[in-house]
Amino acid sequence: MHQHVQLNPGEVLHIGGEASVQFAGPRALTFRLIRVDPRVTYDGWLWLEGYVLGPSGVATQRRRIFVRREGLRPAANDRA
């Protein structure tokens, strides 16, 4: 069983296929969280607002995404 990641503003997450099939494989994102939408949705699912980060860690796009809470992972800290 996976432990839950922190969902605080500024957290950097890996959003892959475990979070939603739309982010599987090469469509995975590195995502800096701005906020979690407080509205109630399907059990275990969340709307997140944040920035997609490019390979250098610079924000490239602001997005709102719908993901499974259990599929969220901390981003790897291996950026140069």
N, C-alpha and C. Protein backbone atom coordinates (compact mmCIF):
# COMPACT_ATOMS: atom_id res chain seq x y z
N MET A 1 0.84 -1.19 0.00
CA MET A 1 0.00 0.00 0.00
C MET A 1 0.89 1.25 0.00
N HIS A 2 0.51 2.22 -0.79
CA HIS A 2 1.28 3.46 -0.90
C HIS A 2 0.86 4.44 0.19
N GLN A 3 1.83 5.20 0.68
CA GLN A 3 1.48 6.23 1.64
C GLN A 3 1.02 7.47 0.88
N HIS A 4 0.19 8.26 1.49
CA HIS A 4 -0.31 9.47 0.85
C HIS A 4 0.77 10.53 0.82
N VAL A 5 0.86 11.24 -0.30
CA VAL A 5 1.78 12.37 -0.39
C VAL A 5 1.13 13.58 0.25
N GLN A 6 1.96 14.54 0.64
CA GLN A 6 1.46 15.79 1.18
C GLN A 6 0.84 16.61 0.05
N LEU A 7 -0.29 17.21 0.31
CA LEU A 7 -0.95 18.04 -0.70
C LEU A 7 -1.00 19.48 -0.22
N ASN A 8 0.18 20.04 0.00
CA ASN A 8 0.31 21.43 0.42
C ASN A 8 0.77 22.25 -0.77
N PRO A 9 0.38 23.53 -0.83
CA PRO A 9 0.87 24.38 -1.92
C PRO A 9 2.39 24.33 -2.01
N GLY A 10 2.89 24.21 -3.22
CA GLY A 10 4.32 24.14 -3.45
C GLY A 10 4.87 22.73 -3.58
N GLU A 11 4.10 21.73 -3.14
CA GLU A 11 4.56 20.33 -3.28
C GLU A 11 4.71 20.01 -4.77
N VAL A 12 5.74 19.23 -5.10
CA VAL A 12 5.97 18.81 -6.48
C VAL A 12 5.65 17.32 -6.57
N LEU A 13 4.73 17.00 -7.48
CA LEU A 13 4.20 15.65 -7.61
C LEU A 13 4.49 15.05 -8.98
N HIS A 14 4.63 13.73 -9.00
CA HIS A 14 4.66 13.00 -10.27
C HIS A 14 3.22 12.57 -10.53
N ILE A 15 2.69 12.95 -11.68
CA ILE A 15 1.33 12.58 -12.07
C ILE A 15 1.45 11.61 -13.24
N GLY A 16 1.24 10.33 -12.97
CA GLY A 16 1.36 9.31 -14.00
C GLY A 16 0.07 8.51 -14.15
N GLY A 17 0.19 7.38 -14.78
CA GLY A 17 -0.96 6.53 -15.06
C GLY A 17 -1.70 6.04 -13.84
N GLU A 18 -1.02 5.93 -12.69
CA GLU A 18 -1.72 5.51 -11.47
C GLU A 18 -2.68 6.59 -10.97
N ALA A 19 -2.40 7.85 -11.33
CA ALA A 19 -3.27 8.95 -10.93
C ALA A 19 -4.46 9.09 -11.88
N SER A 20 -4.23 8.82 -13.16
CA SER A 20 -5.30 8.87 -14.17
C SER A 20 -4.74 8.33 -15.48
N VAL A 21 -5.53 7.55 -16.19
CA VAL A 21 -5.05 6.96 -17.44
C VAL A 21 -4.63 8.03 -18.44
N GLN A 22 -5.17 9.23 -18.34
CA GLN A 22 -4.77 10.27 -19.30
C GLN A 22 -3.33 10.72 -19.12
N PHE A 23 -2.69 10.33 -18.00
CA PHE A 23 -1.29 10.72 -17.74
C PHE A 23 -0.34 9.52 -17.80
N ALA A 24 -0.76 8.44 -18.44
CA ALA A 24 0.06 7.23 -18.53
C ALA A 24 1.24 7.42 -19.48
N GLY A 25 2.30 6.69 -19.22
CA GLY A 25 3.46 6.66 -20.11
C GLY A 25 4.07 8.02 -20.37
N PRO A 26 4.26 8.37 -21.66
CA PRO A 26 4.93 9.63 -21.99
C PRO A 26 4.08 10.86 -21.68
N ARG A 27 2.84 10.68 -21.28
CA ARG A 27 1.98 11.82 -20.95
C ARG A 27 2.06 12.19 -19.46
N ALA A 28 2.93 11.53 -18.72
CA ALA A 28 3.11 11.83 -17.29
C ALA A 28 3.59 13.27 -17.11
N LEU A 29 3.24 13.85 -15.97
CA LEU A 29 3.59 15.24 -15.67
C LEU A 29 4.39 15.33 -14.37
N THR A 30 5.23 16.34 -14.29
CA THR A 30 5.75 16.82 -13.02
C THR A 30 4.94 18.08 -12.74
N PHE A 31 4.34 18.13 -11.56
CA PHE A 31 3.29 19.11 -11.27
C PHE A 31 3.55 19.78 -9.94
N ARG A 32 3.64 21.13 -9.94
CA ARG A 32 3.77 21.89 -8.69
C ARG A 32 2.38 22.33 -8.27
N LEU A 33 1.96 21.89 -7.11
CA LEU A 33 0.61 22.13 -6.62
C LEU A 33 0.41 23.58 -6.16
N ILE A 34 -0.69 24.17 -6.60
CA ILE A 34 -1.13 25.46 -6.09
C ILE A 34 -2.18 25.23 -5.01
N ARG A 35 -3.20 24.42 -5.37
CA ARG A 35 -4.26 24.16 -4.39
C ARG A 35 -5.05 22.92 -4.77
N VAL A 36 -5.72 22.35 -3.77
CA VAL A 36 -6.66 21.26 -3.96
C VAL A 36 -8.05 21.88 -3.94
N ASP A 37 -8.82 21.63 -4.97
CA ASP A 37 -10.19 22.14 -5.02
C ASP A 37 -11.00 21.46 -3.92
N PRO A 38 -11.68 22.23 -3.05
CA PRO A 38 -12.38 21.64 -1.91
C PRO A 38 -13.72 20.98 -2.25
N ARG A 39 -14.19 21.15 -3.48
CA ARG A 39 -15.50 20.57 -3.82
C ARG A 39 -15.46 19.04 -3.73
N VAL A 40 -16.56 18.47 -3.27
CA VAL A 40 -16.69 17.02 -3.16
C VAL A 40 -16.87 16.44 -4.55
N THR A 41 -16.17 15.34 -4.80
CA THR A 41 -16.24 14.66 -6.09
C THR A 41 -16.33 13.16 -5.85
N TYR A 42 -16.04 12.35 -6.84
CA TYR A 42 -16.08 10.90 -6.68
C TYR A 42 -15.11 10.48 -5.58
N ASP A 43 -15.47 9.43 -4.85
CA ASP A 43 -14.65 8.95 -3.75
C ASP A 43 -13.24 8.62 -4.23
N GLY A 44 -12.24 9.24 -3.60
CA GLY A 44 -10.85 8.99 -3.92
C GLY A 44 -10.28 9.85 -5.04
N TRP A 45 -11.09 10.72 -5.62
CA TRP A 45 -10.64 11.58 -6.72
C TRP A 45 -10.61 13.04 -6.27
N LEU A 46 -9.68 13.81 -6.86
CA LEU A 46 -9.49 15.22 -6.51
C LEU A 46 -9.26 16.06 -7.76
N TRP A 47 -9.67 17.31 -7.68
CA TRP A 47 -9.25 18.31 -8.66
C TRP A 47 -8.07 19.05 -8.06
N LEU A 48 -6.96 19.11 -8.79
CA LEU A 48 -5.78 19.84 -8.35
C LEU A 48 -5.51 20.98 -9.32
N GLU A 49 -5.06 22.10 -8.79
CA GLU A 49 -4.61 23.22 -9.62
C GLU A 49 -3.12 23.40 -9.39
N GLY A 50 -2.41 23.64 -10.49
CA GLY A 50 -0.98 23.84 -10.34
C GLY A 50 -0.30 24.09 -11.66
N TYR A 51 1.01 23.93 -11.65
CA TYR A 51 1.83 24.19 -12.83
C TYR A 51 2.53 22.91 -13.28
N VAL A 52 2.49 22.66 -14.58
CA VAL A 52 3.29 21.60 -15.17
C VAL A 52 4.72 22.13 -15.24
N LEU A 53 5.67 21.32 -14.79
CA LEU A 53 7.08 21.73 -14.79
C LEU A 53 7.81 21.03 -15.93
N GLY A 54 8.66 21.77 -16.60
CA GLY A 54 9.50 21.21 -17.65
C GLY A 54 10.69 20.49 -17.05
N PRO A 55 11.56 19.91 -17.90
CA PRO A 55 12.72 19.14 -17.42
C PRO A 55 13.66 19.94 -16.51
N SER A 56 13.71 21.26 -16.69
CA SER A 56 14.60 22.08 -15.85
C SER A 56 13.92 22.53 -14.56
N GLY A 57 12.64 22.17 -14.38
CA GLY A 57 11.91 22.57 -13.18
C GLY A 57 11.18 23.89 -13.31
N VAL A 58 11.20 24.49 -14.50
CA VAL A 58 10.51 25.75 -14.75
C VAL A 58 9.06 25.46 -15.14
N ALA A 59 8.13 26.25 -14.61
CA ALA A 59 6.72 26.10 -14.95
C ALA A 59 6.50 26.41 -16.43
N THR A 60 5.79 25.50 -17.11
CA THR A 60 5.52 25.69 -18.53
C THR A 60 4.04 25.91 -18.83
N GLN A 61 3.17 25.50 -17.91
CA GLN A 61 1.74 25.60 -18.17
C GLN A 61 0.97 25.50 -16.85
N ARG A 62 -0.06 26.33 -16.70
CA ARG A 62 -0.94 26.20 -15.54
C ARG A 62 -2.10 25.30 -15.94
N ARG A 63 -2.44 24.34 -15.05
CA ARG A 63 -3.51 23.39 -15.37
C ARG A 63 -4.33 23.05 -14.14
N ARG A 64 -5.53 22.57 -14.42
CA ARG A 64 -6.39 21.96 -13.41
C ARG A 64 -6.57 20.52 -13.87
N ILE A 65 -6.26 19.57 -12.98
CA ILE A 65 -6.32 18.16 -13.37
C ILE A 65 -7.17 17.37 -12.38
N PHE A 66 -7.77 16.29 -12.87
CA PHE A 66 -8.63 15.41 -12.08
C PHE A 66 -7.90 14.09 -11.91
N VAL A 67 -7.57 13.73 -10.67
CA VAL A 67 -6.71 12.58 -10.41
C VAL A 67 -7.18 11.74 -9.22
N ARG A 68 -6.70 10.51 -9.19
CA ARG A 68 -6.95 9.63 -8.04
C ARG A 68 -5.94 9.95 -6.95
N ARG A 69 -6.41 10.15 -5.75
CA ARG A 69 -5.55 10.49 -4.61
C ARG A 69 -4.47 9.44 -4.39
N GLU A 70 -4.85 8.16 -4.48
CA GLU A 70 -3.89 7.09 -4.23
C GLU A 70 -2.81 6.99 -5.30
N GLY A 71 -3.05 7.55 -6.48
CA GLY A 71 -2.08 7.46 -7.56
C GLY A 71 -1.02 8.55 -7.54
N LEU A 72 -1.13 9.50 -6.65
CA LEU A 72 -0.17 10.61 -6.59
C LEU A 72 1.13 10.16 -5.94
N ARG A 73 2.25 10.63 -6.50
CA ARG A 73 3.58 10.29 -5.98
C ARG A 73 4.40 11.57 -5.85
N PRO A 74 5.33 11.61 -4.89
CA PRO A 74 6.25 12.75 -4.86
C PRO A 74 7.13 12.69 -6.09
N ALA A 75 7.48 13.83 -6.63
CA ALA A 75 8.40 13.87 -7.77
C ALA A 75 9.79 13.47 -7.32
N ALA A 76 10.54 12.84 -8.20
CA ALA A 76 11.92 12.47 -7.89
C ALA A 76 12.73 13.72 -7.68
N ASN A 77 13.64 13.69 -6.76
CA ASN A 77 14.50 14.84 -6.46
C ASN A 77 15.83 14.72 -7.16
N ASP A 78 15.82 14.28 -8.44
CA ASP A 78 17.07 14.05 -9.14
C ASP A 78 17.33 15.08 -10.24
N ARG A 79 16.76 16.25 -10.10
CA ARG A 79 17.01 17.30 -11.09
C ARG A 79 18.40 17.87 -10.91
N ALA A 80 19.05 18.14 -12.02
CA ALA A 80 20.39 18.74 -11.95
C ALA A 80 20.30 20.24 -11.94
